[in-house]
Amino acid sequence: MLEEAPVIEPEVFLANPVVEEGRPVELEIVVRNTLDEPITNVKVKAELLGKTVEELFDEIREEAKITMRLEGLKRGQHKIKLTLDYTIAGESKRIEKEQMLFVKERERKPIERGGIEEIFGDERS
């Protein structure tokens, strides 16, 4: 039985899949070209919660990034749809995938309180 060789293709992924709720965020979408030759006529598209960003690149040799700015998101999991259209060796290709974005509760820093000596003074002096 013949084993199929793994398909080698560029990667598209969300670099920061965990963010805090209620804060403006810049999601970073990365395109990594793992092929020996550059990919050309590249279109990267990200869709999340009704917002879409799209960017065009003439050529990507190694890596490129696009940014998606969003206002404070609600806690939970959200699907982000990533689409990468490109040309290699004269052939047009498309990669479509969904990745989860996790929005976690904003971290609350505990209030630091001094010890009893700081509050009432050190009685030994």
PDB file of N, CA and C in Angstrom:
ATOM      1  N   MET A   1       0.838  -1.185   0.000  1.00  0.00           N
ATOM      2  CA  MET A   1       0.000   0.000   0.000  1.00  0.00           C
ATOM      3  C   MET A   1       0.885   1.252   0.000  1.00  0.00           C
ATOM      4  N   LEU A   2       0.598   2.179  -0.879  1.00  0.00           N
ATOM      5  CA  LEU A   2       1.370   3.409  -0.964  1.00  0.00           C
ATOM      6  C   LEU A   2       0.882   4.414   0.076  1.00  0.00           C
ATOM      7  N   GLU A   3       1.838   5.033   0.751  1.00  0.00           N
ATOM      8  CA  GLU A   3       1.478   6.102   1.686  1.00  0.00           C
ATOM      9  C   GLU A   3       1.529   7.412   0.933  1.00  0.00           C
ATOM     10  N   GLU A   4       0.517   8.226   1.187  1.00  0.00           N
ATOM     11  CA  GLU A   4       0.520   9.535   0.545  1.00  0.00           C
ATOM     12  C   GLU A   4       1.511  10.434   1.263  1.00  0.00           C
ATOM     13  N   ALA A   5       2.273  11.161   0.474  1.00  0.00           N
ATOM     14  CA  ALA A   5       3.202  12.115   1.074  1.00  0.00           C
ATOM     15  C   ALA A   5       2.391  13.252   1.687  1.00  0.00           C
ATOM     16  N   PRO A   6       2.840  13.763   2.826  1.00  0.00           N
ATOM     17  CA  PRO A   6       2.094  14.871   3.418  1.00  0.00           C
ATOM     18  C   PRO A   6       2.123  16.076   2.483  1.00  0.00           C
ATOM     19  N   VAL A   7       1.010  16.777   2.430  1.00  0.00           N
ATOM     20  CA  VAL A   7       0.927  17.959   1.584  1.00  0.00           C
ATOM     21  C   VAL A   7       1.672  19.085   2.276  1.00  0.00           C
ATOM     22  N   ILE A   8       2.601  19.652   1.575  1.00  0.00           N
ATOM     23  CA  ILE A   8       3.341  20.789   2.132  1.00  0.00           C
ATOM     24  C   ILE A   8       2.714  22.045   1.543  1.00  0.00           C
ATOM     25  N   GLU A   9       2.206  22.875   2.440  1.00  0.00           N
ATOM     26  CA  GLU A   9       1.559  24.102   1.999  1.00  0.00           C
ATOM     27  C   GLU A   9       1.812  25.182   3.034  1.00  0.00           C
ATOM     28  N   PRO A  10       1.602  26.423   2.654  1.00  0.00           N
ATOM     29  CA  PRO A  10       1.789  27.503   3.626  1.00  0.00           C
ATOM     30  C   PRO A  10       0.825  27.325   4.801  1.00  0.00           C
ATOM     31  N   GLU A  11       1.170  27.945   5.924  1.00  0.00           N
ATOM     32  CA  GLU A  11       0.315  27.907   7.114  1.00  0.00           C
ATOM     33  C   GLU A  11      -0.312  29.279   7.314  1.00  0.00           C
ATOM     34  N   VAL A  12      -1.531  29.292   7.803  1.00  0.00           N
ATOM     35  CA  VAL A  12      -2.180  30.535   8.213  1.00  0.00           C
ATOM     36  C   VAL A  12      -2.777  30.258   9.585  1.00  0.00           C
ATOM     37  N   PHE A  13      -2.458  31.137  10.549  1.00  0.00           N
ATOM     38  CA  PHE A  13      -2.940  30.877  11.908  1.00  0.00           C
ATOM     39  C   PHE A  13      -2.983  32.164  12.728  1.00  0.00           C
ATOM     40  N   LEU A  14      -3.724  32.086  13.817  1.00  0.00           N
ATOM     41  CA  LEU A  14      -3.862  33.183  14.761  1.00  0.00           C
ATOM     42  C   LEU A  14      -2.719  33.081  15.763  1.00  0.00           C
ATOM     43  N   ALA A  15      -1.897  34.132  15.841  1.00  0.00           N
ATOM     44  CA  ALA A  15      -0.717  34.087  16.715  1.00  0.00           C
ATOM     45  C   ALA A  15      -1.080  34.254  18.191  1.00  0.00           C
ATOM     46  N   ASN A  16      -2.166  34.960  18.476  1.00  0.00           N
ATOM     47  CA  ASN A  16      -2.562  35.186  19.868  1.00  0.00           C
ATOM     48  C   ASN A  16      -4.002  34.721  20.090  1.00  0.00           C
ATOM     49  N   PRO A  17      -4.198  33.402  20.254  1.00  0.00           N
ATOM     50  CA  PRO A  17      -5.559  32.868  20.354  1.00  0.00           C
ATOM     51  C   PRO A  17      -6.227  33.024  21.717  1.00  0.00           C
ATOM     52  N   VAL A  18      -5.546  33.653  22.690  1.00  0.00           N
ATOM     53  CA  VAL A  18      -6.145  33.883  24.006  1.00  0.00           C
ATOM     54  C   VAL A  18      -6.025  35.368  24.336  1.00  0.00           C
ATOM     55  N   VAL A  19      -7.167  36.016  24.592  1.00  0.00           N
ATOM     56  CA  VAL A  19      -7.183  37.443  24.928  1.00  0.00           C
ATOM     57  C   VAL A  19      -8.080  37.654  26.144  1.00  0.00           C
ATOM     58  N   GLU A  20      -7.991  38.851  26.746  1.00  0.00           N
ATOM     59  CA  GLU A  20      -8.824  39.175  27.901  1.00  0.00           C
ATOM     60  C   GLU A  20     -10.093  39.877  27.454  1.00  0.00           C
ATOM     61  N   GLU A  21     -11.192  39.591  28.172  1.00  0.00           N
ATOM     62  CA  GLU A  21     -12.478  40.201  27.834  1.00  0.00           C
ATOM     63  C   GLU A  21     -12.467  41.701  28.117  1.00  0.00           C
ATOM     64  N   GLY A  22     -13.320  42.412  27.371  1.00  0.00           N
ATOM     65  CA  GLY A  22     -13.572  43.814  27.647  1.00  0.00           C
ATOM     66  C   GLY A  22     -12.463  44.783  27.296  1.00  0.00           C
ATOM     67  N   ARG A  23     -11.380  44.322  26.717  1.00  0.00           N
ATOM     68  CA  ARG A  23     -10.275  45.225  26.350  1.00  0.00           C
ATOM     69  C   ARG A  23     -10.105  45.236  24.838  1.00  0.00           C
ATOM     70  N   PRO A  24      -9.733  46.392  24.284  1.00  0.00           N
ATOM     71  CA  PRO A  24      -9.420  46.405  22.844  1.00  0.00           C
ATOM     72  C   PRO A  24      -8.276  45.426  22.586  1.00  0.00           C
ATOM     73  N   VAL A  25      -8.343  44.762  21.449  1.00  0.00           N
ATOM     74  CA  VAL A  25      -7.340  43.737  21.161  1.00  0.00           C
ATOM     75  C   VAL A  25      -6.916  43.831  19.698  1.00  0.00           C
ATOM     76  N   GLU A  26      -5.670  43.484  19.453  1.00  0.00           N
ATOM     77  CA  GLU A  26      -5.158  43.380  18.085  1.00  0.00           C
ATOM     78  C   GLU A  26      -4.822  41.919  17.850  1.00  0.00           C
ATOM     79  N   LEU A  27      -5.646  41.256  17.061  1.00  0.00           N
ATOM     80  CA  LEU A  27      -5.365  39.863  16.717  1.00  0.00           C
ATOM     81  C   LEU A  27      -4.335  39.857  15.602  1.00  0.00           C
ATOM     82  N   GLU A  28      -3.367  38.973  15.713  1.00  0.00           N
ATOM     83  CA  GLU A  28      -2.308  38.896  14.717  1.00  0.00           C
ATOM     84  C   GLU A  28      -2.464  37.598  13.930  1.00  0.00           C
ATOM     85  N   ILE A  29      -2.706  37.737  12.636  1.00  0.00           N
ATOM     86  CA  ILE A  29      -2.849  36.577  11.757  1.00  0.00           C
ATOM     87  C   ILE A  29      -1.529  36.424  10.995  1.00  0.00           C
ATOM     88  N   VAL A  30      -0.957  35.237  11.078  1.00  0.00           N
ATOM     89  CA  VAL A  30       0.358  34.982  10.491  1.00  0.00           C
ATOM     90  C   VAL A  30       0.214  34.055   9.290  1.00  0.00           C
ATOM     91  N   VAL A  31       0.922  34.392   8.212  1.00  0.00           N
ATOM     92  CA  VAL A  31       1.061  33.498   7.071  1.00  0.00           C
ATOM     93  C   VAL A  31       2.523  33.087   7.040  1.00  0.00           C
ATOM     94  N   ARG A  32       2.755  31.784   7.155  1.00  0.00           N
ATOM     95  CA  ARG A  32       4.126  31.272   7.137  1.00  0.00           C
ATOM     96  C   ARG A  32       4.287  30.396   5.904  1.00  0.00           C
ATOM     97  N   ASN A  33       5.223  30.803   5.048  1.00  0.00           N
ATOM     98  CA  ASN A  33       5.496  30.042   3.834  1.00  0.00           C
ATOM     99  C   ASN A  33       6.595  29.027   4.131  1.00  0.00           C
ATOM    100  N   THR A  34       6.232  27.748   4.149  1.00  0.00           N
ATOM    101  CA  THR A  34       7.197  26.686   4.438  1.00  0.00           C
ATOM    102  C   THR A  34       7.731  26.043   3.154  1.00  0.00           C
ATOM    103  N   LEU A  35       7.341  26.598   2.019  1.00  0.00           N
ATOM    104  CA  LEU A  35       7.760  26.046   0.733  1.00  0.00           C
ATOM    105  C   LEU A  35       9.122  26.590   0.325  1.00  0.00           C
ATOM    106  N   ASP A  36       9.745  25.923  -0.625  1.00  0.00           N
ATOM    107  CA  ASP A  36      11.066  26.346  -1.086  1.00  0.00           C
ATOM    108  C   ASP A  36      11.019  27.592  -1.949  1.00  0.00           C
ATOM    109  N   GLU A  37       9.879  27.855  -2.566  1.00  0.00           N
ATOM    110  CA  GLU A  37       9.772  29.038  -3.414  1.00  0.00           C
ATOM    111  C   GLU A  37       8.705  29.976  -2.863  1.00  0.00           C
ATOM    112  N   PRO A  38       8.783  31.262  -3.214  1.00  0.00           N
ATOM    113  CA  PRO A  38       7.808  32.213  -2.684  1.00  0.00           C
ATOM    114  C   PRO A  38       6.409  31.950  -3.237  1.00  0.00           C
ATOM    115  N   ILE A  39       5.410  32.310  -2.439  1.00  0.00           N
ATOM    116  CA  ILE A  39       4.032  32.277  -2.935  1.00  0.00           C
ATOM    117  C   ILE A  39       3.703  33.693  -3.396  1.00  0.00           C
ATOM    118  N   THR A  40       2.894  33.800  -4.437  1.00  0.00           N
ATOM    119  CA  THR A  40       2.599  35.113  -5.019  1.00  0.00           C
ATOM    120  C   THR A  40       1.094  35.344  -5.063  1.00  0.00           C
ATOM    121  N   ASN A  41       0.730  36.586  -5.405  1.00  0.00           N
ATOM    122  CA  ASN A  41      -0.683  36.978  -5.488  1.00  0.00           C
ATOM    123  C   ASN A  41      -1.449  36.493  -4.263  1.00  0.00           C
ATOM    124  N   VAL A  42      -0.928  36.844  -3.103  1.00  0.00           N
ATOM    125  CA  VAL A  42      -1.461  36.324  -1.845  1.00  0.00           C
ATOM    126  C   VAL A  42      -2.560  37.230  -1.301  1.00  0.00           C
ATOM    127  N   LYS A  43      -3.685  36.602  -0.942  1.00  0.00           N
ATOM    128  CA  LYS A  43      -4.770  37.336  -0.275  1.00  0.00           C
ATOM    129  C   LYS A  43      -5.066  36.616   1.030  1.00  0.00           C
ATOM    130  N   VAL A  44      -4.962  37.357   2.138  1.00  0.00           N
ATOM    131  CA  VAL A  44      -5.247  36.811   3.460  1.00  0.00           C
ATOM    132  C   VAL A  44      -6.524  37.469   3.964  1.00  0.00           C
ATOM    133  N   LYS A  45      -7.449  36.646   4.454  1.00  0.00           N
ATOM    134  CA  LYS A  45      -8.722  37.172   4.930  1.00  0.00           C
ATOM    135  C   LYS A  45      -9.049  36.530   6.273  1.00  0.00           C
ATOM    136  N   ALA A  46      -9.506  37.363   7.220  1.00  0.00           N
ATOM    137  CA  ALA A  46      -9.924  36.866   8.534  1.00  0.00           C
ATOM    138  C   ALA A  46     -11.321  37.406   8.813  1.00  0.00           C
ATOM    139  N   GLU A  47     -12.210  36.518   9.283  1.00  0.00           N
ATOM    140  CA  GLU A  47     -13.588  36.901   9.594  1.00  0.00           C
ATOM    141  C   GLU A  47     -13.914  36.467  11.018  1.00  0.00           C
ATOM    142  N   LEU A  48     -14.433  37.422  11.803  1.00  0.00           N
ATOM    143  CA  LEU A  48     -14.800  37.141  13.190  1.00  0.00           C
ATOM    144  C   LEU A  48     -15.914  38.076  13.612  1.00  0.00           C
ATOM    145  N   LEU A  49     -17.005  37.507  14.115  1.00  0.00           N
ATOM    146  CA  LEU A  49     -18.127  38.283  14.660  1.00  0.00           C
ATOM    147  C   LEU A  49     -18.601  39.379  13.707  1.00  0.00           C
ATOM    148  N   GLY A  50     -18.740  39.041  12.433  1.00  0.00           N
ATOM    149  CA  GLY A  50     -19.244  39.995  11.449  1.00  0.00           C
ATOM    150  C   GLY A  50     -18.237  41.011  10.957  1.00  0.00           C
ATOM    151  N   LYS A  51     -17.013  40.959  11.438  1.00  0.00           N
ATOM    152  CA  LYS A  51     -15.971  41.881  10.976  1.00  0.00           C
ATOM    153  C   LYS A  51     -14.990  41.108  10.096  1.00  0.00           C
ATOM    154  N   THR A  52     -14.558  41.743   9.018  1.00  0.00           N
ATOM    155  CA  THR A  52     -13.631  41.104   8.082  1.00  0.00           C
ATOM    156  C   THR A  52     -12.441  42.024   7.836  1.00  0.00           C
ATOM    157  N   VAL A  53     -11.265  41.462   7.826  1.00  0.00           N
ATOM    158  CA  VAL A  53     -10.077  42.192   7.372  1.00  0.00           C
ATOM    159  C   VAL A  53      -9.457  41.370   6.255  1.00  0.00           C
ATOM    160  N   GLU A  54      -8.871  42.087   5.314  1.00  0.00           N
ATOM    161  CA  GLU A  54      -8.301  41.439   4.146  1.00  0.00           C
ATOM    162  C   GLU A  54      -7.054  42.207   3.759  1.00  0.00           C
ATOM    163  N   GLU A  55      -6.025  41.498   3.368  1.00  0.00           N
ATOM    164  CA  GLU A  55      -4.808  42.172   2.932  1.00  0.00           C
ATOM    165  C   GLU A  55      -4.192  41.397   1.780  1.00  0.00           C
ATOM    166  N   LEU A  56      -3.613  42.146   0.851  1.00  0.00           N
ATOM    167  CA  LEU A  56      -2.992  41.552  -0.343  1.00  0.00           C
ATOM    168  C   LEU A  56      -1.478  41.705  -0.266  1.00  0.00           C
ATOM    169  N   PHE A  57      -0.778  40.672  -0.708  1.00  0.00           N
ATOM    170  CA  PHE A  57       0.677  40.698  -0.787  1.00  0.00           C
ATOM    171  C   PHE A  57       1.063  40.214  -2.180  1.00  0.00           C
ATOM    172  N   ASP A  58       2.008  40.905  -2.837  1.00  0.00           N
ATOM    173  CA  ASP A  58       2.492  40.449  -4.140  1.00  0.00           C
ATOM    174  C   ASP A  58       3.216  39.116  -3.990  1.00  0.00           C
ATOM    175  N   GLU A  59       3.974  39.014  -2.877  1.00  0.00           N
ATOM    176  CA  GLU A  59       4.802  37.828  -2.690  1.00  0.00           C
ATOM    177  C   GLU A  59       5.102  37.645  -1.203  1.00  0.00           C
ATOM    178  N   ILE A  60       5.135  36.389  -0.767  1.00  0.00           N
ATOM    179  CA  ILE A  60       5.588  36.080   0.591  1.00  0.00           C
ATOM    180  C   ILE A  60       6.647  34.993   0.477  1.00  0.00           C
ATOM    181  N   ARG A  61       7.851  35.344   0.905  1.00  0.00           N
ATOM    182  CA  ARG A  61       8.945  34.370   0.864  1.00  0.00           C
ATOM    183  C   ARG A  61       8.967  33.514   2.127  1.00  0.00           C
ATOM    184  N   GLU A  62       8.851  34.155   3.300  1.00  0.00           N
ATOM    185  CA  GLU A  62       8.923  33.409   4.551  1.00  0.00           C
ATOM    186  C   GLU A  62       7.691  33.613   5.419  1.00  0.00           C
ATOM    187  N   GLU A  63       7.447  34.883   5.820  1.00  0.00           N
ATOM    188  CA  GLU A  63       6.341  35.115   6.746  1.00  0.00           C
ATOM    189  C   GLU A  63       5.781  36.522   6.564  1.00  0.00           C
ATOM    190  N   ALA A  64       4.476  36.645   6.755  1.00  0.00           N
ATOM    191  CA  ALA A  64       3.813  37.952   6.721  1.00  0.00           C
ATOM    192  C   ALA A  64       2.740  37.938   7.794  1.00  0.00           C
ATOM    193  N   LYS A  65       2.356  39.134   8.251  1.00  0.00           N
ATOM    194  CA  LYS A  65       1.350  39.244   9.305  1.00  0.00           C
ATOM    195  C   LYS A  65       0.341  40.327   8.945  1.00  0.00           C
ATOM    196  N   ILE A  66      -0.909  40.091   9.358  1.00  0.00           N
ATOM    197  CA  ILE A  66      -1.910  41.131   9.270  1.00  0.00           C
ATOM    198  C   ILE A  66      -2.530  41.274  10.658  1.00  0.00           C
ATOM    199  N   THR A  67      -3.094  42.436  10.927  1.00  0.00           N
ATOM    200  CA  THR A  67      -3.663  42.711  12.239  1.00  0.00           C
ATOM    201  C   THR A  67      -5.151  42.987  12.114  1.00  0.00           C
ATOM    202  N   MET A  68      -5.910  42.433  13.043  1.00  0.00           N
ATOM    203  CA  MET A  68      -7.353  42.668  13.119  1.00  0.00           C
ATOM    204  C   MET A  68      -7.624  43.328  14.458  1.00  0.00           C
ATOM    205  N   ARG A  69      -8.080  44.587  14.430  1.00  0.00           N
ATOM    206  CA  ARG A  69      -8.360  45.311  15.670  1.00  0.00           C
ATOM    207  C   ARG A  69      -9.821  45.136  16.044  1.00  0.00           C
ATOM    208  N   LEU A  70     -10.044  44.791  17.292  1.00  0.00           N
ATOM    209  CA  LEU A  70     -11.410  44.600  17.781  1.00  0.00           C
ATOM    210  C   LEU A  70     -11.568  45.302  19.116  1.00  0.00           C
ATOM    211  N   GLU A  71     -12.777  45.787  19.364  1.00  0.00           N
ATOM    212  CA  GLU A  71     -13.076  46.356  20.672  1.00  0.00           C
ATOM    213  C   GLU A  71     -13.325  45.213  21.628  1.00  0.00           C
ATOM    214  N   GLY A  72     -13.514  45.537  22.887  1.00  0.00           N
ATOM    215  CA  GLY A  72     -13.667  44.516  23.917  1.00  0.00           C
ATOM    216  C   GLY A  72     -14.628  43.394  23.543  1.00  0.00           C
ATOM    217  N   LEU A  73     -14.162  42.186  23.641  1.00  0.00           N
ATOM    218  CA  LEU A  73     -14.967  41.011  23.316  1.00  0.00           C
ATOM    219  C   LEU A  73     -15.552  40.417  24.590  1.00  0.00           C
ATOM    220  N   LYS A  74     -16.673  39.721  24.437  1.00  0.00           N
ATOM    221  CA  LYS A  74     -17.278  39.032  25.571  1.00  0.00           C
ATOM    222  C   LYS A  74     -16.541  37.712  25.816  1.00  0.00           C
ATOM    223  N   ARG A  75     -16.540  37.316  27.076  1.00  0.00           N
ATOM    224  CA  ARG A  75     -15.873  36.074  27.467  1.00  0.00           C
ATOM    225  C   ARG A  75     -16.486  34.886  26.735  1.00  0.00           C
ATOM    226  N   GLY A  76     -15.649  33.922  26.397  1.00  0.00           N
ATOM    227  CA  GLY A  76     -16.129  32.714  25.734  1.00  0.00           C
ATOM    228  C   GLY A  76     -15.217  32.318  24.592  1.00  0.00           C
ATOM    229  N   GLN A  77     -15.726  31.439  23.737  1.00  0.00           N
ATOM    230  CA  GLN A  77     -14.971  30.970  22.584  1.00  0.00           C
ATOM    231  C   GLN A  77     -15.632  31.508  21.318  1.00  0.00           C
ATOM    232  N   HIS A  78     -14.822  31.988  20.401  1.00  0.00           N
ATOM    233  CA  HIS A  78     -15.314  32.526  19.138  1.00  0.00           C
ATOM    234  C   HIS A  78     -14.528  31.879  18.005  1.00  0.00           C
ATOM    235  N   LYS A  79     -15.229  31.535  16.924  1.00  0.00           N
ATOM    236  CA  LYS A  79     -14.541  30.960  15.761  1.00  0.00           C
ATOM    237  C   LYS A  79     -14.082  32.090  14.856  1.00  0.00           C
ATOM    238  N   ILE A  80     -12.834  32.022  14.454  1.00  0.00           N
ATOM    239  CA  ILE A  80     -12.313  32.965  13.463  1.00  0.00           C
ATOM    240  C   ILE A  80     -12.042  32.155  12.202  1.00  0.00           C
ATOM    241  N   LYS A  81     -12.577  32.649  11.086  1.00  0.00           N
ATOM    242  CA  LYS A  81     -12.388  31.963   9.809  1.00  0.00           C
ATOM    243  C   LYS A  81     -11.223  32.625   9.083  1.00  0.00           C
ATOM    244  N   LEU A  82     -10.258  31.809   8.693  1.00  0.00           N
ATOM    245  CA  LEU A  82      -9.064  32.289   7.996  1.00  0.00           C
ATOM    246  C   LEU A  82      -9.040  31.715   6.591  1.00  0.00           C
ATOM    247  N   THR A  83      -8.821  32.594   5.613  1.00  0.00           N
ATOM    248  CA  THR A  83      -8.740  32.158   4.215  1.00  0.00           C
ATOM    249  C   THR A  83      -7.442  32.692   3.621  1.00  0.00           C
ATOM    250  N   LEU A  84      -6.739  31.827   2.920  1.00  0.00           N
ATOM    251  CA  LEU A  84      -5.490  32.194   2.263  1.00  0.00           C
ATOM    252  C   LEU A  84      -5.572  31.758   0.811  1.00  0.00           C
ATOM    253  N   ASP A  85      -5.572  32.736  -0.093  1.00  0.00           N
ATOM    254  CA  ASP A  85      -5.516  32.457  -1.535  1.00  0.00           C
ATOM    255  C   ASP A  85      -4.112  32.822  -2.004  1.00  0.00           C
ATOM    256  N   TYR A  86      -3.518  31.959  -2.826  1.00  0.00           N
ATOM    257  CA  TYR A  86      -2.169  32.233  -3.311  1.00  0.00           C
ATOM    258  C   TYR A  86      -1.910  31.479  -4.601  1.00  0.00           C
ATOM    259  N   THR A  87      -0.788  31.844  -5.249  1.00  0.00           N
ATOM    260  CA  THR A  87      -0.364  31.173  -6.479  1.00  0.00           C
ATOM    261  C   THR A  87       1.043  30.637  -6.262  1.00  0.00           C
ATOM    262  N   ILE A  88       1.251  29.403  -6.704  1.00  0.00           N
ATOM    263  CA  ILE A  88       2.598  28.827  -6.679  1.00  0.00           C
ATOM    264  C   ILE A  88       2.766  28.015  -7.962  1.00  0.00           C
ATOM    265  N   ALA A  89       3.889  28.202  -8.610  1.00  0.00           N
ATOM    266  CA  ALA A  89       4.193  27.507  -9.870  1.00  0.00           C
ATOM    267  C   ALA A  89       3.037  27.657 -10.862  1.00  0.00           C
ATOM    268  N   GLY A  90       2.472  28.857 -10.908  1.00  0.00           N
ATOM    269  CA  GLY A  90       1.399  29.144 -11.863  1.00  0.00           C
ATOM    270  C   GLY A  90       0.034  28.567 -11.500  1.00  0.00           C
ATOM    271  N   GLU A  91      -0.071  27.912 -10.351  1.00  0.00           N
ATOM    272  CA  GLU A  91      -1.329  27.287  -9.960  1.00  0.00           C
ATOM    273  C   GLU A  91      -1.950  28.033  -8.770  1.00  0.00           C
ATOM    274  N   SER A  92      -3.233  28.371  -8.897  1.00  0.00           N
ATOM    275  CA  SER A  92      -3.937  29.055  -7.808  1.00  0.00           C
ATOM    276  C   SER A  92      -4.402  28.040  -6.775  1.00  0.00           C
ATOM    277  N   LYS A  93      -4.212  28.391  -5.511  1.00  0.00           N
ATOM    278  CA  LYS A  93      -4.599  27.488  -4.416  1.00  0.00           C
ATOM    279  C   LYS A  93      -5.322  28.282  -3.341  1.00  0.00           C
ATOM    280  N   ARG A  94      -6.067  27.543  -2.494  1.00  0.00           N
ATOM    281  CA  ARG A  94      -6.792  28.177  -1.394  1.00  0.00           C
ATOM    282  C   ARG A  94      -6.718  27.282  -0.163  1.00  0.00           C
ATOM    283  N   ILE A  95      -6.505  27.925   0.971  1.00  0.00           N
ATOM    284  CA  ILE A  95      -6.568  27.236   2.264  1.00  0.00           C
ATOM    285  C   ILE A  95      -7.642  27.945   3.075  1.00  0.00           C
ATOM    286  N   GLU A  96      -8.579  27.175   3.616  1.00  0.00           N
ATOM    287  CA  GLU A  96      -9.609  27.727   4.487  1.00  0.00           C
ATOM    288  C   GLU A  96      -9.581  26.943   5.785  1.00  0.00           C
ATOM    289  N   LYS A  97      -9.627  27.657   6.897  1.00  0.00           N
ATOM    290  CA  LYS A  97      -9.663  26.960   8.176  1.00  0.00           C
ATOM    291  C   LYS A  97     -10.336  27.831   9.219  1.00  0.00           C
ATOM    292  N   GLU A  98     -10.786  27.178  10.262  1.00  0.00           N
ATOM    293  CA  GLU A  98     -11.353  27.896  11.395  1.00  0.00           C
ATOM    294  C   GLU A  98     -10.468  27.629  12.598  1.00  0.00           C
ATOM    295  N   GLN A  99     -10.272  28.675  13.386  1.00  0.00           N
ATOM    296  CA  GLN A  99      -9.483  28.531  14.598  1.00  0.00           C
ATOM    297  C   GLN A  99     -10.282  29.165  15.734  1.00  0.00           C
ATOM    298  N   MET A 100     -10.124  28.636  16.930  1.00  0.00           N
ATOM    299  CA  MET A 100     -10.850  29.184  18.072  1.00  0.00           C
ATOM    300  C   MET A 100     -10.069  30.338  18.689  1.00  0.00           C
ATOM    301  N   LEU A 101     -10.820  31.383  19.043  1.00  0.00           N
ATOM    302  CA  LEU A 101     -10.283  32.496  19.814  1.00  0.00           C
ATOM    303  C   LEU A 101     -10.899  32.369  21.199  1.00  0.00           C
ATOM    304  N   PHE A 102     -10.073  32.324  22.219  1.00  0.00           N
ATOM    305  CA  PHE A 102     -10.550  32.184  23.594  1.00  0.00           C
ATOM    306  C   PHE A 102     -10.461  33.540  24.282  1.00  0.00           C
ATOM    307  N   VAL A 103     -11.604  34.001  24.773  1.00  0.00           N
ATOM    308  CA  VAL A 103     -11.652  35.274  25.492  1.00  0.00           C
ATOM    309  C   VAL A 103     -11.854  34.934  26.965  1.00  0.00           C
ATOM    310  N   LYS A 104     -10.834  35.238  27.754  1.00  0.00           N
ATOM    311  CA  LYS A 104     -10.885  34.854  29.169  1.00  0.00           C
ATOM    312  C   LYS A 104     -11.265  36.050  30.033  1.00  0.00           C
ATOM    313  N   GLU A 105     -11.655  35.749  31.255  1.00  0.00           N
ATOM    314  CA  GLU A 105     -12.025  36.786  32.213  1.00  0.00           C
ATOM    315  C   GLU A 105     -10.808  37.653  32.490  1.00  0.00           C
ATOM    316  N   ARG A 106     -11.071  38.947  32.615  1.00  0.00           N
ATOM    317  CA  ARG A 106      -9.980  39.870  32.906  1.00  0.00           C
ATOM    318  C   ARG A 106      -9.387  39.525  34.261  1.00  0.00           C
ATOM    319  N   GLU A 107      -8.068  39.476  34.310  1.00  0.00           N
ATOM    320  CA  GLU A 107      -7.412  39.122  35.571  1.00  0.00           C
ATOM    321  C   GLU A 107      -7.548  40.269  36.549  1.00  0.00           C
ATOM    322  N   ARG A 108      -7.923  39.914  37.757  1.00  0.00           N
ATOM    323  CA  ARG A 108      -7.997  40.916  38.819  1.00  0.00           C
ATOM    324  C   ARG A 108      -6.761  40.740  39.691  1.00  0.00           C
ATOM    325  N   LYS A 109      -6.055  41.830  39.866  1.00  0.00           N
ATOM    326  CA  LYS A 109      -4.862  41.752  40.705  1.00  0.00           C
ATOM    327  C   LYS A 109      -5.301  41.892  42.161  1.00  0.00           C
ATOM    328  N   PRO A 110      -4.816  41.024  43.023  1.00  0.00           N
ATOM    329  CA  PRO A 110      -5.184  41.167  44.427  1.00  0.00           C
ATOM    330  C   PRO A 110      -4.638  42.474  44.990  1.00  0.00           C
ATOM    331  N   ILE A 111      -5.388  43.070  45.880  1.00  0.00           N
ATOM    332  CA  ILE A 111      -4.936  44.317  46.500  1.00  0.00           C
ATOM    333  C   ILE A 111      -3.899  43.932  47.539  1.00  0.00           C
ATOM    334  N   GLU A 112      -2.755  44.574  47.428  1.00  0.00           N
ATOM    335  CA  GLU A 112      -1.699  44.249  48.379  1.00  0.00           C
ATOM    336  C   GLU A 112      -1.905  45.087  49.626  1.00  0.00           C
ATOM    337  N   ARG A 113      -1.931  44.404  50.730  1.00  0.00           N
ATOM    338  CA  ARG A 113      -2.061  45.108  52.001  1.00  0.00           C
ATOM    339  C   ARG A 113      -0.794  44.844  52.795  1.00  0.00           C
ATOM    340  N   GLY A 114      -0.376  45.845  53.515  1.00  0.00           N
ATOM    341  CA  GLY A 114       0.818  45.678  54.338  1.00  0.00           C
ATOM    342  C   GLY A 114       0.531  44.783  55.531  1.00  0.00           C
ATOM    343  N   GLY A 115       1.569  44.351  56.149  1.00  0.00           N
ATOM    344  CA  GLY A 115       1.419  43.538  57.344  1.00  0.00           C
ATOM    345  C   GLY A 115       0.902  44.391  58.500  1.00  0.00           C
ATOM    346  N   ILE A 116       0.612  43.771  59.600  1.00  0.00           N
ATOM    347  CA  ILE A 116       0.050  44.470  60.751  1.00  0.00           C
ATOM    348  C   ILE A 116       0.998  45.556  61.266  1.00  0.00           C
ATOM    349  N   GLU A 117       2.322  45.284  61.142  1.00  0.00           N
ATOM    350  CA  GLU A 117       3.287  46.285  61.604  1.00  0.00           C
ATOM    351  C   GLU A 117       3.210  47.555  60.756  1.00  0.00           C
ATOM    352  N   GLU A 118       2.999  47.380  59.418  1.00  0.00           N
ATOM    353  CA  GLU A 118       2.926  48.552  58.542  1.00  0.00           C
ATOM    354  C   GLU A 118       1.687  49.370  58.843  1.00  0.00           C
ATOM    355  N   ILE A 119       0.605  48.715  59.211  1.00  0.00           N
ATOM    356  CA  ILE A 119      -0.647  49.420  59.443  1.00  0.00           C
ATOM    357  C   ILE A 119      -0.612  50.139  60.799  1.00  0.00           C
ATOM    358  N   PHE A 120      -0.190  49.453  61.845  1.00  0.00           N
ATOM    359  CA  PHE A 120      -0.254  50.019  63.188  1.00  0.00           C
ATOM    360  C   PHE A 120       1.115  50.492  63.702  1.00  0.00           C
ATOM    361  N   GLY A 121       2.149  50.232  62.943  1.00  0.00           N
ATOM    362  CA  GLY A 121       3.477  50.596  63.395  1.00  0.00           C
ATOM    363  C   GLY A 121       4.071  49.466  64.205  1.00  0.00           C
ATOM    364  N   ASP A 122       5.382  49.388  64.206  1.00  0.00           N
ATOM    365  CA  ASP A 122       6.068  48.324  64.938  1.00  0.00           C
ATOM    366  C   ASP A 122       6.165  48.764  66.389  1.00  0.00           C
ATOM    367  N   GLU A 123       5.536  48.019  67.299  1.00  0.00           N
ATOM    368  CA  GLU A 123       5.504  48.418  68.709  1.00  0.00           C
ATOM    369  C   GLU A 123       6.831  48.147  69.418  1.00  0.00           C
ATOM    370  N   ARG A 124       7.725  47.431  68.761  1.00  0.00           N
ATOM    371  CA  ARG A 124       8.996  47.123  69.414  1.00  0.00           C
ATOM    372  C   ARG A 124       9.938  48.308  69.415  1.00  0.00           C
ATOM    373  N   SER A 125       9.680  49.338  68.660  1.00  0.00           N
ATOM    374  CA  SER A 125      10.648  50.433  68.607  1.00  0.00           C
ATOM    375  C   SER A 125      10.426  51.447  69.692  1.00  0.00           C
TER     376      SER A 125
END
